Protein backbone atom coordinates (compact mmCIF):
# COMPACT_ATOMS: atom_id res chain seq x y z
CA UNK A 1 -5.36 25.92 -12.23
CA UNK A 2 -6.37 26.85 -8.72
CA UNK A 3 -3.74 26.15 -6.07
CA UNK A 4 -5.17 26.30 -2.56
CA UNK A 5 -4.25 25.02 0.86
CA UNK A 6 -6.03 25.38 4.17
CA UNK A 7 -3.45 26.02 6.87
CA UNK A 8 -6.07 25.29 9.57
CA UNK A 9 -6.99 21.88 8.12
CA UNK A 10 -5.99 18.62 9.76
CA UNK A 11 -4.94 17.38 6.33
CA UNK A 12 -1.20 17.65 5.84
CA UNK A 13 -0.06 20.47 3.56
CA UNK A 14 1.82 18.17 1.14
CA UNK A 15 -1.35 16.07 0.81
CA UNK A 16 -3.38 19.19 0.03
CA UNK A 17 -0.90 20.27 -2.63
CA UNK A 18 -0.86 16.78 -4.17
CA UNK A 19 -4.68 16.83 -4.21
CA UNK A 20 -4.59 20.11 -6.17
CA UNK A 21 -2.43 18.46 -8.83
CA UNK A 22 -4.62 15.35 -8.94
CA UNK A 23 -7.74 17.50 -9.36
CA UNK A 24 -6.01 19.49 -12.11
CA UNK A 25 -5.12 16.33 -14.01
CA UNK A 26 -8.58 14.79 -13.50
CA UNK A 27 -10.34 17.93 -14.70
CA UNK A 28 -8.06 18.36 -17.71
CA UNK A 29 -6.61 21.64 -16.47
CA UNK A 30 -3.21 19.94 -16.37
CA UNK A 31 -2.22 17.95 -19.45
CA UNK A 32 0.44 15.31 -19.91
CA UNK A 33 3.77 17.06 -20.40
CA UNK A 34 2.62 20.28 -18.75
CA UNK A 35 5.16 21.84 -16.42
CA UNK A 36 4.23 22.57 -12.81
CA UNK A 37 5.37 25.73 -11.03
CA UNK A 38 8.84 25.57 -9.50
CA UNK A 39 8.70 24.46 -5.85
CA UNK A 40 10.08 27.73 -4.50
CA UNK A 41 7.60 29.82 -6.51
CA UNK A 42 4.59 27.70 -5.49
CA UNK A 43 5.74 27.65 -1.87
CA UNK A 44 5.81 31.44 -1.80
CA UNK A 45 2.37 31.68 -3.41
CA UNK A 46 0.88 29.22 -0.89
CA UNK A 47 2.81 30.55 2.13
CA UNK A 48 4.41 27.18 2.82
CA UNK A 49 7.96 25.93 3.01
CA UNK A 50 9.64 24.90 -0.26
CA UNK A 51 10.23 21.42 1.18
CA UNK A 52 6.47 21.03 1.68
CA UNK A 53 5.93 21.48 -2.06
CA UNK A 54 8.86 19.19 -2.86
CA UNK A 55 7.36 16.50 -0.60
CA UNK A 56 4.07 16.71 -2.51
CA UNK A 57 5.85 16.62 -5.87
CA UNK A 58 7.94 13.59 -4.79
CA UNK A 59 4.84 11.69 -3.67
CA UNK A 60 3.21 12.39 -7.02
CA UNK A 61 6.37 11.26 -8.80
CA UNK A 62 6.38 8.05 -6.75
CA UNK A 63 2.74 7.50 -7.76
CA UNK A 64 3.70 7.93 -11.43
CA UNK A 65 1.77 11.14 -11.92
CA UNK A 66 4.80 13.45 -12.24
CA UNK A 67 8.26 13.17 -13.68
CA UNK A 68 11.31 15.25 -12.84
CA UNK A 69 13.77 16.33 -15.47
CA UNK A 70 17.01 17.97 -14.52
CA UNK A 71 16.83 21.64 -15.38
CA UNK A 72 13.22 21.36 -16.57
CA UNK A 73 11.34 20.91 -13.29
CA UNK A 74 8.31 18.74 -12.63
CA UNK A 75 5.96 17.76 -15.45
CA UNK A 76 2.75 15.75 -15.61
CA UNK A 77 3.75 12.24 -16.65
CA UNK A 78 0.40 10.47 -16.81
CA UNK A 79 -3.29 11.16 -16.67
CA UNK A 80 -4.15 8.72 -13.87
CA UNK A 81 -7.29 10.34 -12.54
CA UNK A 82 -8.08 8.42 -9.38
CA UNK A 83 -6.19 6.15 -7.04
CA UNK A 84 -7.07 2.51 -7.71
CA UNK A 85 -8.14 1.73 -4.11
CA UNK A 86 -10.53 4.70 -4.17
CA UNK A 87 -12.05 3.62 -7.48
CA UNK A 88 -12.49 0.06 -6.20
CA UNK A 89 -14.10 1.29 -2.97
CA UNK A 90 -16.44 3.54 -4.97
CA UNK A 91 -17.49 0.62 -7.19
CA UNK A 92 -18.20 -1.47 -4.09
CA UNK A 93 -20.18 1.38 -2.53
CA UNK A 94 -22.31 1.78 -5.66
CA UNK A 95 -22.97 -1.97 -5.82
CA UNK A 96 -24.01 -2.14 -2.15
CA UNK A 97 -26.19 0.95 -2.54
CA UNK A 98 -27.98 -0.65 -5.52
CA UNK A 99 -28.54 -3.85 -3.52
CA UNK A 100 -30.27 -1.75 -0.85
CA UNK A 101 -32.38 0.20 -3.32
CA UNK A 102 -30.59 3.54 -3.02
CA UNK A 103 -30.71 5.84 -6.02
CA UNK A 104 -27.82 7.92 -7.32
CA UNK A 105 -29.32 10.99 -5.60
CA UNK A 106 -29.58 9.07 -2.30
CA UNK A 107 -25.96 8.04 -2.55
CA UNK A 108 -24.79 11.56 -3.38
CA UNK A 109 -26.72 12.96 -0.38
CA UNK A 110 -25.12 10.35 1.86
CA UNK A 111 -21.63 11.21 0.62
CA UNK A 112 -22.30 14.93 1.02
CA UNK A 113 -23.43 14.34 4.59
CA UNK A 114 -20.27 12.34 5.39
CA UNK A 115 -17.82 14.83 3.94
């Protein structure tokens, strides 16, 4: 799995790390039960503070994506692939786009332009 953070980004580092895990789970690179790197090791690899990684891991645990086991580290607990509010917003966007005659390609171009 590819762990990357952009230190110049406005997005908070813990959010970037959490996004890496979410992408890994969504793509199948991380499976349920798979162990994540220890916080100190990942922090060194990403040139961030250990607490930054722990903050990301805790948020993912609170969202039900990770579980912590004493002496065993953080493991993937579920394969939730997208946050529910995002999925609902995407469904609404697709429905509105269809009502206005936009094709899938039109919608993808619009999203690409906005991101």
